Amino acid sequence: MDDADQAKEKQLELAMKDTTSVQVIDSLYNFGTIKEGDLVEHNFNFKNTGNKPLVFPQDPIASCGCTVPKRPEKPVFPGDTAFIKVIFNSKGKSNHVVKTVTVISNAYPSFPKLILTGDIQKSE
């Protein structure tokens, strides 16, 4: 690890100790009924309601490989809004599904789990 990486690591470590609060505007998204193989893309919106930058040390963790969440790349400053982008691939899935996403950040209390749910019609 070079000096620049070590400096970034140190900044991130300090930011994670410096908590802030977050208001998740939508933690549940029901995509309704789709056909097997369709992709669902949704942005879970949130606002930094604290007085410190909101940071994400890693991408959020999905309950399965069919769901890919992405975090904001830069800190979200107090009063700003941003989103966690989630893409769900319904290939090989059918019936009712519930997928969860765990967000790692310096928010206190922690981010609630983000939930993507809906029904998938099996292709003929």
N, C-alpha and C. Protein backbone atom coordinates (compact mmCIF):
# COMPACT_ATOMS: atom_id res chain seq x y z
N MET A 1 0.85 -1.18 0.00
CA MET A 1 0.00 0.00 0.00
C MET A 1 0.90 1.25 0.00
N ASP A 2 0.67 2.14 -0.96
CA ASP A 2 1.51 3.34 -1.02
C ASP A 2 0.99 4.42 -0.07
N ASP A 3 1.71 5.53 0.01
CA ASP A 3 1.36 6.61 0.94
C ASP A 3 -0.03 7.18 0.67
N ALA A 4 -0.41 7.33 -0.60
CA ALA A 4 -1.72 7.88 -0.95
C ALA A 4 -2.83 6.96 -0.46
N ASP A 5 -2.64 5.64 -0.65
CA ASP A 5 -3.64 4.66 -0.18
C ASP A 5 -3.74 4.68 1.34
N GLN A 6 -2.60 4.79 2.01
CA GLN A 6 -2.60 4.85 3.47
C GLN A 6 -3.31 6.10 3.97
N ALA A 7 -3.11 7.21 3.30
CA ALA A 7 -3.77 8.46 3.68
C ALA A 7 -5.28 8.35 3.51
N LYS A 8 -5.71 7.74 2.39
CA LYS A 8 -7.14 7.53 2.14
C LYS A 8 -7.74 6.63 3.22
N GLU A 9 -7.03 5.55 3.54
CA GLU A 9 -7.47 4.60 4.56
C GLU A 9 -7.66 5.31 5.91
N LYS A 10 -6.71 6.17 6.26
CA LYS A 10 -6.76 6.91 7.52
C LYS A 10 -7.96 7.87 7.54
N GLN A 11 -8.18 8.58 6.41
CA GLN A 11 -9.32 9.50 6.31
C GLN A 11 -10.63 8.74 6.48
N LEU A 12 -10.73 7.59 5.83
CA LEU A 12 -11.95 6.79 5.91
C LEU A 12 -12.17 6.29 7.34
N GLU A 13 -11.11 5.85 7.98
CA GLU A 13 -11.19 5.38 9.36
C GLU A 13 -11.72 6.49 10.28
N LEU A 14 -11.20 7.69 10.12
CA LEU A 14 -11.66 8.83 10.92
C LEU A 14 -13.12 9.17 10.62
N ALA A 15 -13.49 9.16 9.34
CA ALA A 15 -14.86 9.48 8.95
C ALA A 15 -15.85 8.47 9.53
N MET A 16 -15.48 7.20 9.57
CA MET A 16 -16.38 6.16 10.09
C MET A 16 -16.61 6.34 11.60
N LYS A 17 -15.67 6.95 12.31
CA LYS A 17 -15.85 7.21 13.74
C LYS A 17 -16.71 8.44 13.98
N ASP A 18 -16.77 9.31 12.98
CA ASP A 18 -17.50 10.57 13.06
C ASP A 18 -18.90 10.35 12.49
N THR A 19 -19.83 9.93 13.32
CA THR A 19 -21.14 9.54 12.81
C THR A 19 -22.03 10.74 12.46
N THR A 20 -23.01 10.45 11.61
CA THR A 20 -24.01 11.41 11.20
C THR A 20 -25.34 10.68 11.14
N SER A 21 -26.41 11.39 10.87
CA SER A 21 -27.71 10.72 10.78
C SER A 21 -28.21 10.76 9.34
N VAL A 22 -29.11 9.84 9.05
CA VAL A 22 -29.62 9.72 7.69
C VAL A 22 -31.14 9.51 7.74
N GLN A 23 -31.82 10.08 6.76
CA GLN A 23 -33.26 9.84 6.59
C GLN A 23 -33.41 9.11 5.26
N VAL A 24 -33.84 7.85 5.34
CA VAL A 24 -34.06 7.08 4.11
C VAL A 24 -35.47 7.40 3.63
N ILE A 25 -35.56 7.91 2.43
CA ILE A 25 -36.84 8.37 1.89
C ILE A 25 -37.70 7.20 1.44
N ASP A 26 -37.06 6.16 0.93
CA ASP A 26 -37.80 4.96 0.50
C ASP A 26 -36.93 3.74 0.73
N SER A 27 -37.26 2.93 1.72
CA SER A 27 -36.45 1.73 2.00
C SER A 27 -37.09 0.47 1.44
N LEU A 28 -38.30 0.58 0.89
CA LEU A 28 -39.00 -0.57 0.30
C LEU A 28 -39.45 -0.19 -1.10
N TYR A 29 -39.14 -1.06 -2.07
CA TYR A 29 -39.60 -0.85 -3.43
C TYR A 29 -40.26 -2.12 -3.94
N ASN A 30 -41.54 -2.02 -4.30
CA ASN A 30 -42.27 -3.14 -4.89
C ASN A 30 -42.33 -2.88 -6.38
N PHE A 31 -41.66 -3.74 -7.15
CA PHE A 31 -41.61 -3.55 -8.61
C PHE A 31 -42.82 -4.15 -9.32
N GLY A 32 -43.76 -4.70 -8.57
CA GLY A 32 -44.98 -5.25 -9.18
C GLY A 32 -44.72 -6.62 -9.79
N THR A 33 -45.29 -6.86 -10.97
CA THR A 33 -45.14 -8.14 -11.65
C THR A 33 -44.32 -7.94 -12.93
N ILE A 34 -43.29 -8.75 -13.08
CA ILE A 34 -42.43 -8.70 -14.26
C ILE A 34 -42.31 -10.10 -14.84
N LYS A 35 -41.70 -10.19 -16.01
CA LYS A 35 -41.44 -11.49 -16.63
C LYS A 35 -40.04 -11.96 -16.26
N GLU A 36 -39.88 -13.26 -16.12
CA GLU A 36 -38.57 -13.83 -15.82
C GLU A 36 -37.56 -13.34 -16.85
N GLY A 37 -36.40 -12.91 -16.37
CA GLY A 37 -35.36 -12.40 -17.24
C GLY A 37 -35.31 -10.88 -17.30
N ASP A 38 -36.38 -10.21 -16.85
CA ASP A 38 -36.38 -8.74 -16.84
C ASP A 38 -35.40 -8.23 -15.79
N LEU A 39 -34.84 -7.06 -16.06
CA LEU A 39 -34.00 -6.38 -15.08
C LEU A 39 -34.83 -5.29 -14.42
N VAL A 40 -34.67 -5.15 -13.12
CA VAL A 40 -35.33 -4.08 -12.37
C VAL A 40 -34.22 -3.18 -11.83
N GLU A 41 -34.36 -1.89 -12.07
CA GLU A 41 -33.38 -0.92 -11.58
C GLU A 41 -34.13 0.09 -10.71
N HIS A 42 -33.61 0.33 -9.51
CA HIS A 42 -34.27 1.28 -8.61
C HIS A 42 -33.22 2.06 -7.81
N ASN A 43 -33.50 3.34 -7.58
CA ASN A 43 -32.65 4.17 -6.74
C ASN A 43 -33.35 4.39 -5.40
N PHE A 44 -32.73 3.92 -4.31
CA PHE A 44 -33.24 4.15 -2.97
C PHE A 44 -32.67 5.50 -2.51
N ASN A 45 -33.54 6.48 -2.34
CA ASN A 45 -33.13 7.84 -2.00
C ASN A 45 -32.97 8.04 -0.50
N PHE A 46 -32.02 8.88 -0.14
CA PHE A 46 -31.82 9.22 1.27
C PHE A 46 -31.24 10.62 1.38
N LYS A 47 -31.32 11.16 2.61
CA LYS A 47 -30.80 12.50 2.88
C LYS A 47 -29.91 12.45 4.11
N ASN A 48 -28.78 13.12 4.06
CA ASN A 48 -27.90 13.24 5.23
C ASN A 48 -28.51 14.32 6.12
N THR A 49 -29.09 13.91 7.25
CA THR A 49 -29.76 14.83 8.16
C THR A 49 -28.86 15.23 9.33
N GLY A 50 -27.64 14.75 9.32
CA GLY A 50 -26.71 15.07 10.40
C GLY A 50 -25.85 16.28 10.06
N ASN A 51 -24.75 16.42 10.80
CA ASN A 51 -23.87 17.57 10.57
C ASN A 51 -22.44 17.15 10.18
N LYS A 52 -22.27 15.90 9.77
CA LYS A 52 -20.98 15.39 9.28
C LYS A 52 -21.21 14.73 7.92
N PRO A 53 -20.17 14.62 7.09
CA PRO A 53 -20.32 13.91 5.81
C PRO A 53 -20.68 12.44 6.04
N LEU A 54 -21.56 11.93 5.20
CA LEU A 54 -21.97 10.52 5.23
C LEU A 54 -21.07 9.77 4.26
N VAL A 55 -20.37 8.74 4.76
CA VAL A 55 -19.43 8.00 3.93
C VAL A 55 -19.79 6.52 3.88
N PHE A 56 -19.40 5.89 2.77
CA PHE A 56 -19.67 4.48 2.51
C PHE A 56 -18.35 3.79 2.21
N PRO A 57 -17.79 3.02 3.15
CA PRO A 57 -16.48 2.40 2.94
C PRO A 57 -16.48 1.26 1.93
N GLN A 58 -17.65 0.72 1.61
CA GLN A 58 -17.73 -0.39 0.66
C GLN A 58 -19.10 -0.39 0.01
N ASP A 59 -19.23 -1.13 -1.10
CA ASP A 59 -20.54 -1.26 -1.72
C ASP A 59 -21.47 -1.98 -0.75
N PRO A 60 -22.77 -1.68 -0.83
CA PRO A 60 -23.74 -2.39 0.01
C PRO A 60 -23.71 -3.89 -0.29
N ILE A 61 -24.23 -4.68 0.62
CA ILE A 61 -24.21 -6.14 0.50
C ILE A 61 -25.63 -6.63 0.20
N ALA A 62 -25.77 -7.35 -0.92
CA ALA A 62 -27.07 -7.87 -1.33
C ALA A 62 -27.27 -9.28 -0.79
N SER A 63 -28.55 -9.67 -0.64
CA SER A 63 -28.88 -10.99 -0.11
C SER A 63 -28.58 -12.11 -1.10
N CYS A 64 -28.36 -11.79 -2.38
CA CYS A 64 -27.97 -12.81 -3.35
C CYS A 64 -27.26 -12.17 -4.53
N GLY A 65 -26.62 -12.98 -5.34
CA GLY A 65 -25.85 -12.50 -6.48
C GLY A 65 -26.68 -11.91 -7.60
N CYS A 66 -28.01 -12.12 -7.57
CA CYS A 66 -28.88 -11.59 -8.62
C CYS A 66 -29.19 -10.10 -8.40
N THR A 67 -28.75 -9.57 -7.26
CA THR A 67 -29.02 -8.19 -6.90
C THR A 67 -27.68 -7.46 -6.74
N VAL A 68 -27.51 -6.36 -7.50
CA VAL A 68 -26.25 -5.64 -7.47
C VAL A 68 -26.49 -4.20 -7.00
N PRO A 69 -26.06 -3.86 -5.77
CA PRO A 69 -26.21 -2.49 -5.28
C PRO A 69 -24.93 -1.69 -5.48
N LYS A 70 -25.08 -0.39 -5.68
CA LYS A 70 -23.93 0.52 -5.82
C LYS A 70 -24.12 1.70 -4.88
N ARG A 71 -23.04 2.08 -4.22
CA ARG A 71 -23.05 3.20 -3.28
C ARG A 71 -22.64 4.49 -3.98
N PRO A 72 -22.89 5.62 -3.33
CA PRO A 72 -22.32 6.87 -3.86
C PRO A 72 -20.80 6.80 -3.72
N GLU A 73 -20.09 7.28 -4.72
CA GLU A 73 -18.62 7.23 -4.69
C GLU A 73 -18.01 8.28 -3.77
N LYS A 74 -18.70 9.41 -3.61
CA LYS A 74 -18.17 10.51 -2.80
C LYS A 74 -19.00 10.66 -1.53
N PRO A 75 -18.43 11.30 -0.51
CA PRO A 75 -19.22 11.56 0.70
C PRO A 75 -20.46 12.40 0.38
N VAL A 76 -21.54 12.17 1.14
CA VAL A 76 -22.76 12.94 0.99
C VAL A 76 -22.76 13.95 2.14
N PHE A 77 -22.73 15.22 1.80
CA PHE A 77 -22.59 16.26 2.81
C PHE A 77 -23.91 16.57 3.52
N PRO A 78 -23.84 17.14 4.72
CA PRO A 78 -25.06 17.45 5.48
C PRO A 78 -26.07 18.24 4.64
N GLY A 79 -27.32 17.78 4.69
CA GLY A 79 -28.39 18.43 3.94
C GLY A 79 -28.55 17.94 2.52
N ASP A 80 -27.55 17.21 2.00
CA ASP A 80 -27.62 16.72 0.61
C ASP A 80 -28.39 15.40 0.54
N THR A 81 -28.95 15.15 -0.64
CA THR A 81 -29.60 13.87 -0.91
C THR A 81 -28.77 13.09 -1.91
N ALA A 82 -28.93 11.78 -1.88
CA ALA A 82 -28.22 10.89 -2.81
C ALA A 82 -29.04 9.60 -2.88
N PHE A 83 -28.47 8.57 -3.51
CA PHE A 83 -29.19 7.31 -3.62
C PHE A 83 -28.24 6.12 -3.68
N ILE A 84 -28.80 4.97 -3.31
CA ILE A 84 -28.14 3.68 -3.49
C ILE A 84 -28.85 3.06 -4.70
N LYS A 85 -28.09 2.79 -5.76
CA LYS A 85 -28.67 2.19 -6.97
C LYS A 85 -28.65 0.67 -6.84
N VAL A 86 -29.78 0.03 -7.14
CA VAL A 86 -29.88 -1.43 -7.05
C VAL A 86 -30.42 -1.97 -8.38
N ILE A 87 -29.73 -2.97 -8.91
CA ILE A 87 -30.19 -3.65 -10.13
C ILE A 87 -30.44 -5.11 -9.77
N PHE A 88 -31.66 -5.58 -10.07
CA PHE A 88 -32.05 -6.97 -9.80
C PHE A 88 -32.28 -7.67 -11.13
N ASN A 89 -31.65 -8.84 -11.30
CA ASN A 89 -31.79 -9.66 -12.51
C ASN A 89 -32.70 -10.83 -12.17
N SER A 90 -33.86 -10.90 -12.81
CA SER A 90 -34.85 -11.93 -12.48
C SER A 90 -34.64 -13.24 -13.25
N LYS A 91 -33.54 -13.34 -13.99
CA LYS A 91 -33.28 -14.57 -14.75
C LYS A 91 -33.24 -15.78 -13.80
N GLY A 92 -34.02 -16.82 -14.13
CA GLY A 92 -34.04 -18.04 -13.33
C GLY A 92 -34.89 -17.93 -12.07
N LYS A 93 -35.59 -16.82 -11.89
CA LYS A 93 -36.43 -16.62 -10.71
C LYS A 93 -37.90 -16.71 -11.09
N SER A 94 -38.75 -17.05 -10.12
CA SER A 94 -40.20 -17.06 -10.35
C SER A 94 -40.91 -16.85 -9.03
N ASN A 95 -42.21 -16.58 -9.14
CA ASN A 95 -43.09 -16.36 -7.98
C ASN A 95 -42.74 -15.07 -7.25
N HIS A 96 -43.02 -15.01 -5.97
CA HIS A 96 -42.78 -13.81 -5.17
C HIS A 96 -41.33 -13.80 -4.68
N VAL A 97 -40.67 -12.68 -4.81
CA VAL A 97 -39.29 -12.56 -4.33
C VAL A 97 -39.15 -11.36 -3.41
N VAL A 98 -38.24 -11.51 -2.44
CA VAL A 98 -37.88 -10.42 -1.54
C VAL A 98 -36.36 -10.42 -1.47
N LYS A 99 -35.74 -9.32 -1.90
CA LYS A 99 -34.29 -9.19 -1.88
C LYS A 99 -33.93 -8.04 -0.95
N THR A 100 -32.91 -8.24 -0.12
CA THR A 100 -32.51 -7.21 0.83
C THR A 100 -31.10 -6.72 0.53
N VAL A 101 -30.86 -5.47 0.91
CA VAL A 101 -29.55 -4.84 0.73
C VAL A 101 -29.15 -4.21 2.06
N THR A 102 -27.94 -4.55 2.53
CA THR A 102 -27.40 -3.99 3.76
C THR A 102 -26.39 -2.92 3.39
N VAL A 103 -26.59 -1.72 3.92
CA VAL A 103 -25.74 -0.57 3.61
C VAL A 103 -24.79 -0.32 4.78
N ILE A 104 -23.49 -0.26 4.48
CA ILE A 104 -22.46 0.03 5.49
C ILE A 104 -22.09 1.51 5.36
N SER A 105 -22.24 2.26 6.44
CA SER A 105 -21.91 3.68 6.41
C SER A 105 -21.61 4.16 7.83
N ASN A 106 -21.35 5.45 7.94
CA ASN A 106 -21.12 6.02 9.27
C ASN A 106 -22.40 6.64 9.84
N ALA A 107 -23.56 6.21 9.35
CA ALA A 107 -24.83 6.70 9.87
C ALA A 107 -25.12 6.04 11.22
N TYR A 108 -25.65 6.85 12.14
CA TYR A 108 -26.10 6.33 13.42
C TYR A 108 -27.42 7.00 13.76
N PRO A 109 -28.51 6.23 13.96
CA PRO A 109 -28.53 4.77 13.84
C PRO A 109 -28.23 4.32 12.40
N SER A 110 -27.92 3.04 12.27
CA SER A 110 -27.53 2.48 10.98
C SER A 110 -28.64 2.63 9.94
N PHE A 111 -28.23 2.57 8.68
CA PHE A 111 -29.18 2.52 7.57
C PHE A 111 -30.15 1.36 7.80
N PRO A 112 -31.45 1.53 7.52
CA PRO A 112 -32.34 0.37 7.56
C PRO A 112 -32.02 -0.52 6.36
N LYS A 113 -32.41 -1.78 6.44
CA LYS A 113 -32.24 -2.66 5.27
C LYS A 113 -33.10 -2.11 4.14
N LEU A 114 -32.56 -2.15 2.92
CA LEU A 114 -33.31 -1.76 1.74
C LEU A 114 -33.93 -3.03 1.17
N ILE A 115 -35.21 -2.95 0.80
CA ILE A 115 -35.94 -4.16 0.37
C ILE A 115 -36.53 -3.94 -1.02
N LEU A 116 -36.28 -4.91 -1.88
CA LEU A 116 -36.81 -4.95 -3.24
C LEU A 116 -37.72 -6.16 -3.29
N THR A 117 -38.97 -5.98 -3.67
CA THR A 117 -39.90 -7.10 -3.69
C THR A 117 -40.80 -7.04 -4.92
N GLY A 118 -41.36 -8.16 -5.29
CA GLY A 118 -42.27 -8.22 -6.42
C GLY A 118 -42.52 -9.65 -6.83
N ASP A 119 -43.24 -9.78 -7.93
CA ASP A 119 -43.62 -11.10 -8.45
C ASP A 119 -43.03 -11.29 -9.83
N ILE A 120 -42.62 -12.53 -10.10
CA ILE A 120 -42.02 -12.85 -11.39
C ILE A 120 -42.81 -13.95 -12.06
N GLN A 121 -43.24 -13.68 -13.29
CA GLN A 121 -43.95 -14.70 -14.08
C GLN A 121 -42.91 -15.54 -14.79
N LYS A 122 -42.97 -16.84 -14.56
CA LYS A 122 -42.05 -17.79 -15.21
C LYS A 122 -42.29 -17.75 -16.71
N SER A 123 -41.20 -17.69 -17.48
CA SER A 123 -41.37 -17.69 -18.94
C SER A 123 -41.74 -19.09 -19.40
N GLU A 124 -42.50 -19.14 -20.47
CA GLU A 124 -43.00 -20.42 -20.99
C GLU A 124 -41.88 -21.24 -21.59
